[in-house]
Protein backbone atom coordinates (compact mmCIF):
# COMPACT_ATOMS: atom_id res chain seq x y z
CA MET A 1 0.00 0.00 0.00
CA ILE A 2 1.22 3.51 -0.84
CA GLN A 3 0.77 6.33 1.64
CA ILE A 4 1.65 9.97 1.02
CA GLU A 5 2.23 12.46 3.81
CA ILE A 6 1.97 16.18 2.99
CA ILE A 7 3.29 18.37 5.81
CA LEU A 8 2.51 22.09 5.78
CA LEU A 9 5.67 23.71 7.17
CA THR A 10 5.12 27.31 6.08
CA ASN A 11 1.81 29.14 5.96
CA ASN A 12 0.40 32.47 7.07
CA ILE A 13 -1.26 31.18 10.24
CA VAL A 14 -0.52 29.07 13.31
CA LEU A 15 -3.60 27.72 15.11
CA PRO A 16 -2.55 25.31 17.89
CA PHE A 17 -6.16 24.65 18.92
CA GLN A 18 -7.45 23.90 15.44
CA GLN A 19 -9.28 20.56 15.48
CA LEU A 20 -10.41 19.92 11.92
CA LYS A 21 -10.11 16.16 12.32
CA GLN A 22 -12.35 16.04 15.37
CA ASP A 23 -14.77 18.84 14.52
CA TYR A 24 -15.38 17.92 10.88
CA GLN A 25 -14.43 14.21 10.82
CA LEU A 26 -11.50 14.84 8.47
CA ASP A 27 -9.68 11.59 9.07
CA PHE A 28 -6.93 12.49 6.58
CA ILE A 29 -5.69 15.41 8.75
CA GLU A 30 -3.39 15.47 11.77
CA LEU A 31 -2.19 18.43 13.85
CA ASN A 32 0.21 18.17 16.77
CA LYS A 33 -0.79 20.92 19.22
CA LEU A 34 2.63 21.04 20.91
CA PHE A 35 4.51 21.47 17.65
CA ALA A 36 2.03 24.02 16.38
CA THR A 37 2.41 26.02 19.62
CA LYS A 38 6.15 26.30 19.02
CA SER A 39 5.83 26.93 15.28
CA LEU A 40 6.09 30.26 13.47
CA ALA A 41 3.94 31.63 10.67
CA GLU A 42 4.89 34.01 7.88
CA HIS A 43 3.57 35.12 4.52
CA GLY A 44 4.84 32.14 2.60
CA LEU A 45 4.22 28.55 1.65
CA GLY A 46 6.21 25.34 1.87
CA PHE A 47 5.47 21.61 1.97
CA LEU A 48 7.46 18.52 2.86
CA ILE A 49 6.06 15.50 1.03
CA ASN A 50 6.91 11.91 1.98
CA VAL A 51 5.86 8.88 -0.04
CA TYR A 52 5.87 5.55 1.83
CA GLU A 53 5.35 1.93 1.01
CA VAL A 54 3.33 0.57 3.93
CA GLN A 55 3.55 -3.16 4.61
CA ASP A 56 1.29 -3.17 7.68
CA SER A 57 -1.33 -0.44 8.08
CA ASP A 58 -1.40 -1.14 11.85
CA ASN A 59 2.37 -0.70 12.21
CA PHE A 60 3.56 2.38 10.36
CA THR A 61 7.10 2.08 11.80
CA ASN A 62 7.85 -0.66 9.28
CA SER A 63 7.06 1.62 6.35
CA LYS A 64 9.67 2.26 3.69
CA LEU A 65 10.34 5.83 2.54
CA LEU A 66 10.24 5.85 -1.25
CA LYS A 67 10.40 9.55 -2.09
CA LYS A 68 11.00 12.76 -0.14
CA ILE A 69 10.13 16.01 -1.88
CA ILE A 70 10.17 19.67 -0.93
CA PHE A 71 7.55 21.75 -2.75
CA ASP A 72 8.27 25.43 -2.11
CA THR A 73 10.57 26.58 0.67
CA GLY A 74 8.68 29.28 2.56
CA GLY A 75 9.58 32.94 2.85
CA PRO A 76 12.74 34.86 3.79
CA ASN A 77 12.06 34.54 7.53
CA LEU A 78 13.06 30.88 7.18
CA THR A 79 10.02 29.47 8.97
CA PHE A 80 10.33 26.33 6.83
CA LEU A 81 13.61 25.53 8.55
CA HIS A 82 12.49 26.62 12.01
CA ASN A 83 9.35 24.50 11.89
CA SER A 84 11.23 21.55 10.39
CA ASP A 85 13.80 21.68 13.18
CA LEU A 86 11.06 21.65 15.83
CA ARG A 87 9.94 18.30 14.49
CA GLY A 88 13.42 16.92 13.94
CA TYR A 89 12.98 16.59 10.18
CA GLN A 90 16.19 15.94 8.28
CA PHE A 91 17.06 17.04 4.77
CA TYR A 92 19.99 14.78 3.91
CA ASP A 93 17.64 12.31 2.19
CA ILE A 94 15.66 14.81 0.11
CA ASP A 95 15.18 13.38 -3.39
CA MET A 96 13.89 16.48 -5.16
CA LEU A 97 13.21 20.20 -4.74
CA ILE A 98 10.41 21.89 -6.68
CA LEU A 99 9.53 25.59 -6.78
CA SER A 100 6.00 26.48 -7.81
CA HIS A 101 7.35 29.85 -8.97
CA TRP A 102 10.15 32.32 -8.30
CA HIS A 103 8.58 34.61 -5.70
CA TYR A 104 10.23 35.43 -2.37
CA ASP A 105 7.45 33.89 -0.27
CA HIS A 106 8.02 30.50 -1.94
CA SER A 107 11.76 30.57 -2.51
CA GLY A 108 12.96 32.27 0.70
CA GLY A 109 14.40 29.14 2.33
CA LEU A 110 15.93 27.66 -0.81
CA LEU A 111 19.64 28.34 -0.26
CA LYS A 112 19.62 27.37 3.42
CA ILE A 113 17.79 24.15 2.59
CA LEU A 114 20.32 23.30 -0.12
CA GLU A 115 23.06 23.83 2.46
CA ARG A 116 21.36 21.27 4.71
CA ILE A 117 20.96 18.64 1.99
CA GLU A 118 24.74 18.47 1.36
CA LYS A 119 24.45 16.34 -1.77
CA GLU A 120 23.52 16.75 -5.41
CA VAL A 121 19.76 17.09 -5.61
CA PRO A 122 17.47 17.66 -8.62
CA PHE A 123 15.77 21.04 -8.53
CA ILE A 124 12.84 21.80 -10.84
CA CYS A 125 12.16 25.42 -11.70
CA HIS A 126 11.04 27.58 -14.64
CA GLU A 127 13.30 29.86 -16.66
CA SER A 128 11.30 32.89 -15.48
CA ALA A 129 13.36 32.64 -12.30
CA ASN A 130 16.12 34.32 -14.32
CA PHE A 131 14.17 37.61 -14.40
CA GLU A 132 14.34 40.36 -11.80
CA ARG A 133 10.76 40.85 -10.65
CA PHE A 134 8.95 43.90 -9.30
CA PHE A 135 5.91 44.27 -7.04
CA ARG A 136 3.88 47.42 -6.50
CA ARG A 137 3.54 48.56 -2.89
CA GLU A 138 1.94 51.95 -3.55
CA LYS A 139 -1.79 51.72 -4.37
CA ASN A 140 -1.77 54.89 -6.43
CA LEU A 141 1.07 53.69 -8.63
CA LYS A 142 -0.25 53.17 -12.14
CA ILE A 143 0.73 50.39 -14.51
CA GLU A 144 1.86 53.07 -16.96
CA ASP A 145 4.40 54.26 -14.38
CA LEU A 146 6.26 50.97 -14.77
CA LYS A 147 5.50 49.29 -18.08
CA GLY A 148 8.25 49.76 -20.66
CA LYS A 149 10.54 51.64 -18.26
CA SER A 150 14.21 50.83 -17.82
CA ARG A 151 15.58 49.89 -14.43
CA GLU A 152 17.29 53.27 -14.14
CA GLU A 153 13.99 55.06 -14.69
CA ILE A 154 12.30 53.29 -11.77
CA LEU A 155 15.14 53.68 -9.25
CA PRO A 156 13.30 56.51 -7.40
CA LEU A 157 10.32 54.20 -6.95
CA LEU A 158 12.58 51.47 -5.61
CA SER A 159 14.43 53.77 -3.21
CA SER A 160 11.12 55.07 -1.82
CA SER A 161 9.73 51.51 -1.52
CA LYS A 162 6.79 52.30 -3.77
CA ILE A 163 7.86 49.15 -5.54
CA VAL A 164 10.02 46.29 -4.29
CA ASN A 165 12.10 43.90 -6.30
CA GLN A 166 13.22 40.31 -6.20
CA GLU A 167 16.62 39.41 -7.58
CA PRO A 168 16.91 36.67 -10.21
CA ILE A 169 17.97 33.21 -9.17
CA ASP A 170 21.70 32.92 -8.42
CA LEU A 171 22.72 30.02 -10.63
CA GLU A 172 26.32 29.98 -9.45
CA LYS A 173 25.23 29.80 -5.83
CA ILE A 174 22.75 27.03 -6.60
CA LYS A 175 25.49 25.09 -8.40
CA SER A 176 27.94 25.57 -5.53
CA LEU A 177 25.35 24.07 -3.17
CA LYS A 178 24.95 21.04 -5.47
CA GLY A 179 21.53 21.99 -6.73
CA LYS A 180 21.08 20.28 -10.09
CA ILE A 181 18.69 22.76 -11.64
CA GLN A 182 16.25 21.81 -14.39
CA PHE A 183 14.48 24.70 -16.09
CA THR A 184 11.33 23.42 -17.75
CA LYS A 185 8.14 24.82 -19.25
CA ASP A 186 6.68 21.37 -19.76
CA ILE A 187 4.78 18.88 -17.67
CA CYS A 188 7.17 16.61 -15.78
CA GLU A 189 6.45 13.22 -14.25
CA ILE A 190 8.55 12.65 -11.11
CA LEU A 191 7.05 9.41 -9.77
CA ASN A 192 5.05 6.62 -11.38
CA MET A 193 4.27 3.46 -9.48
CA ASP A 194 1.30 1.25 -8.67
CA GLY A 195 -1.17 3.36 -6.75
CA LEU A 196 0.39 6.79 -7.26
CA LYS A 197 1.71 9.06 -9.97
CA ILE A 198 3.14 12.51 -9.16
CA THR A 199 3.40 15.11 -11.90
CA VAL A 200 4.67 18.69 -11.91
CA SER A 201 2.58 20.87 -14.21
CA GLY A 202 4.00 22.80 -17.12
CA GLU A 203 2.89 26.26 -18.19
CA ILE A 204 -0.85 26.57 -17.63
CA PRO A 205 -2.88 28.21 -20.43
CA ARG A 206 -4.88 31.28 -19.42
CA ASN A 207 -8.35 30.86 -20.90
CA HIS A 208 -10.67 32.31 -18.25
CA ILE A 209 -10.74 36.09 -18.66
CA GLU A 210 -11.81 36.54 -15.02
CA GLU A 211 -8.41 35.25 -13.95
CA ASP A 212 -6.29 37.49 -16.18
CA PHE A 213 -4.04 40.16 -14.65
CA ASN A 214 -1.45 42.74 -15.71
CA ASN A 215 -0.12 44.15 -12.42
CA PHE A 216 3.10 42.11 -12.11
CA PHE A 217 6.34 43.11 -13.85
CA SER A 218 9.74 41.68 -14.61
CA LEU A 219 12.88 43.05 -16.25
CA GLN A 220 13.24 41.51 -19.69
CA GLU A 221 15.64 42.70 -22.40
CA GLY A 222 16.36 45.87 -20.46
CA ASN A 223 12.77 47.01 -19.91
CA LEU A 224 9.93 46.27 -17.54
CA LYS A 225 7.33 44.03 -19.12
CA THR A 226 4.07 42.57 -17.86
CA ASP A 227 4.86 39.35 -16.04
CA LYS A 228 2.15 36.71 -16.38
CA ILE A 229 4.07 34.47 -13.94
CA LEU A 230 4.20 31.64 -16.43
CA ASP A 231 6.32 29.65 -13.98
CA ASP A 232 3.23 29.03 -11.84
CA LYS A 233 3.27 25.28 -11.17
CA CYS A 234 1.14 22.79 -9.28
CA LEU A 235 1.65 19.20 -8.18
CA ILE A 236 -0.82 16.61 -9.46
CA LEU A 237 -1.06 13.55 -7.20
CA GLU A 238 -2.91 10.91 -9.16
CA PHE A 239 -4.15 7.91 -7.19
CA ASP A 240 -6.02 4.90 -8.58
CA GLU A 241 -9.40 6.57 -8.22
CA ASN A 242 -8.89 10.28 -7.56
CA ILE A 243 -6.60 13.30 -7.78
CA VAL A 244 -5.20 15.48 -5.01
CA LEU A 245 -3.92 18.85 -6.24
CA ILE A 246 -1.27 20.95 -4.47
CA ASN A 247 -0.93 24.59 -5.54
CA GLY A 248 1.76 27.16 -4.91
CA CYS A 249 0.00 30.50 -5.44
CA CYS A 250 -2.21 29.54 -8.38
CA HIS A 251 -1.33 32.73 -10.25
CA SER A 252 -2.70 31.01 -13.34
CA GLY A 253 -6.11 31.07 -11.69
CA LEU A 254 -7.91 28.15 -10.12
CA MET A 255 -10.24 27.60 -13.08
CA ASN A 256 -7.37 27.65 -15.57
CA THR A 257 -5.40 25.28 -13.35
CA LEU A 258 -8.28 22.83 -13.04
CA ASP A 259 -8.87 22.96 -16.81
CA TYR A 260 -5.24 21.93 -17.17
CA VAL A 261 -5.61 19.08 -14.68
CA LYS A 262 -8.80 17.83 -16.36
CA TYR A 263 -7.00 17.76 -19.71
CA TYR A 264 -4.25 15.72 -18.10
CA SER A 265 -6.57 13.22 -16.39
CA ASN A 266 -10.33 12.62 -16.22
CA LYS A 267 -10.19 11.21 -12.68
CA PRO A 268 -12.35 13.03 -10.12
CA ILE A 269 -10.69 15.57 -7.84
CA SER A 270 -10.98 14.98 -4.11
CA HIS A 271 -8.76 17.66 -2.50
CA ILE A 272 -7.15 20.97 -3.46
CA ILE A 273 -4.49 22.24 -1.04
CA GLY A 274 -2.46 25.44 -1.35
CA GLY A 275 -2.66 29.02 -2.55
CA PHE A 276 -5.68 30.17 -4.55
CA HIS A 277 -4.43 33.79 -4.94
CA MET A 278 -7.87 35.24 -4.24
CA ALA A 279 -7.20 37.45 -1.22
CA GLY A 280 -8.06 40.52 -3.32
CA ALA A 281 -10.67 38.87 -5.53
CA SER A 282 -14.11 40.42 -5.97
CA GLU A 283 -17.19 38.58 -4.74
CA GLU A 284 -18.25 38.19 -8.35
CA ARG A 285 -15.02 36.42 -9.28
CA ILE A 286 -15.34 34.17 -6.24
CA ARG A 287 -18.94 33.32 -7.20
CA VAL A 288 -17.83 32.41 -10.73
CA THR A 289 -15.09 30.22 -9.27
CA ILE A 290 -17.50 28.49 -6.88
CA ASP A 291 -19.94 27.85 -9.74
CA TYR A 292 -17.07 26.28 -11.67
CA LEU A 293 -16.10 24.10 -8.70
CA ASN A 294 -19.69 22.92 -8.25
CA LYS A 295 -19.62 21.52 -11.78
CA LEU A 296 -16.39 19.58 -11.24
CA ASN A 297 -16.22 15.83 -11.35
CA MET A 298 -15.74 15.29 -7.60
CA PHE A 299 -14.57 12.14 -5.86
CA ASP A 300 -17.43 10.67 -3.78
CA ASP A 301 -19.41 13.77 -4.77
CA THR A 302 -17.46 15.95 -2.33
CA LEU A 303 -14.53 18.33 -2.81
CA TYR A 304 -12.34 19.37 0.11
CA ILE A 305 -10.49 22.62 -0.51
CA PHE A 306 -7.83 24.19 1.67
CA PRO A 307 -7.33 27.77 0.41
CA ILE A 308 -4.26 28.90 2.36
CA HIS A 309 -1.44 31.46 2.17
CA CYS A 310 -2.56 33.99 -0.50
CA SER A 311 -6.17 32.80 -0.74
CA GLY A 312 -7.93 35.11 1.70
CA GLU A 313 -10.81 34.28 4.02
CA LYS A 314 -13.55 35.45 1.68
CA ILE A 315 -13.57 32.35 -0.52
CA ILE A 316 -13.75 30.11 2.56
CA GLU A 317 -16.64 32.12 3.98
CA MET A 318 -18.56 32.15 0.70
CA VAL A 319 -18.12 28.42 0.14
CA ASN A 320 -19.22 27.54 3.65
CA LYS A 321 -22.25 29.85 3.72
CA ASN A 322 -24.12 27.14 1.87
CA SER A 323 -24.23 24.22 4.27
CA ASN A 324 -25.66 21.99 1.53
CA SER A 325 -22.70 22.58 -0.73
CA ARG A 326 -20.63 19.62 -1.91
CA ILE A 327 -17.55 21.77 -1.36
CA LYS A 328 -15.99 21.94 2.10
CA ALA A 329 -13.46 24.75 2.67
CA PHE A 330 -10.94 25.17 5.50
CA ASN A 331 -7.89 27.25 6.33
CA THR A 332 -5.17 25.18 7.99
CA SER A 333 -2.47 25.83 10.55
CA VAL A 334 1.24 25.45 10.08
CA GLY A 335 2.06 21.93 11.20
CA THR A 336 -0.97 20.32 9.60
CA THR A 337 -0.26 16.93 8.01
CA PHE A 338 -2.45 15.50 5.25
CA ASN A 339 -2.37 11.73 4.84
CA PHE A 340 -3.66 9.96 1.75
């Protein structure tokens, strides 16, 4: 029997008294109150994923670890490492590192984690990580104030913190830490065995106009250009009968992402865990998204969603207002473990 353990090590909230398992009969969730009490939260996301071969379901200690994956590394406050150390998790046996996209709140712990691994390790990323990226921090700053400008022209905005930047990936540093980087735009299968297939998505087409955006920028060929964050990746966990989806920030949009997953496999979706990037979404956009979710092919006619990190509370509230809904939505504390 295959068992997969998904441990949420970085998220925006710590809730030591959260009891989703007991209160909502979510048997696939565990939360250790003591560890959660000592854990730290930050604006970021990071998962440790363990795949086991279980010989005896009543004696998990005899399980064999088949694959150990890090999906996103938390933010620059290094909560991923802090929370890992609390639990005594080791990194020497990490098999693979995957970044959903090159944003500081997902890549902040990368270099320190590579230092801990101390061996050559495959590292999947997208070539967009080579761009310097810029984020608006001043509400009154117009898109026209940035688009097409050179870096020199926006220096006053940087120095006054009206915009902030993220440096491109340091390939030499990654190489020196034995990170074997693989830039890819394409779908990538990283595990295929009886009972479970794990796939990293490629670039996700943007077909739903409600999910389009033009407020991110990156430096390309000397000028600032609209950045569609094409490196946005998700993990598709395909079991015999269902799919569990893990998102980074879902910059592609949840509907676009699910269209992509449905094209990849017609199996019903049972769980979606991760960022939905809807903290600033309008109620209308959330309603459209919920209507879309209600029409999904759901496993056992129920969909469990865990909109965390950049998702906002509004989508959780709107989903759960309808007690008859087939969709169940929950925020989850740092330290939560999902078992499938």
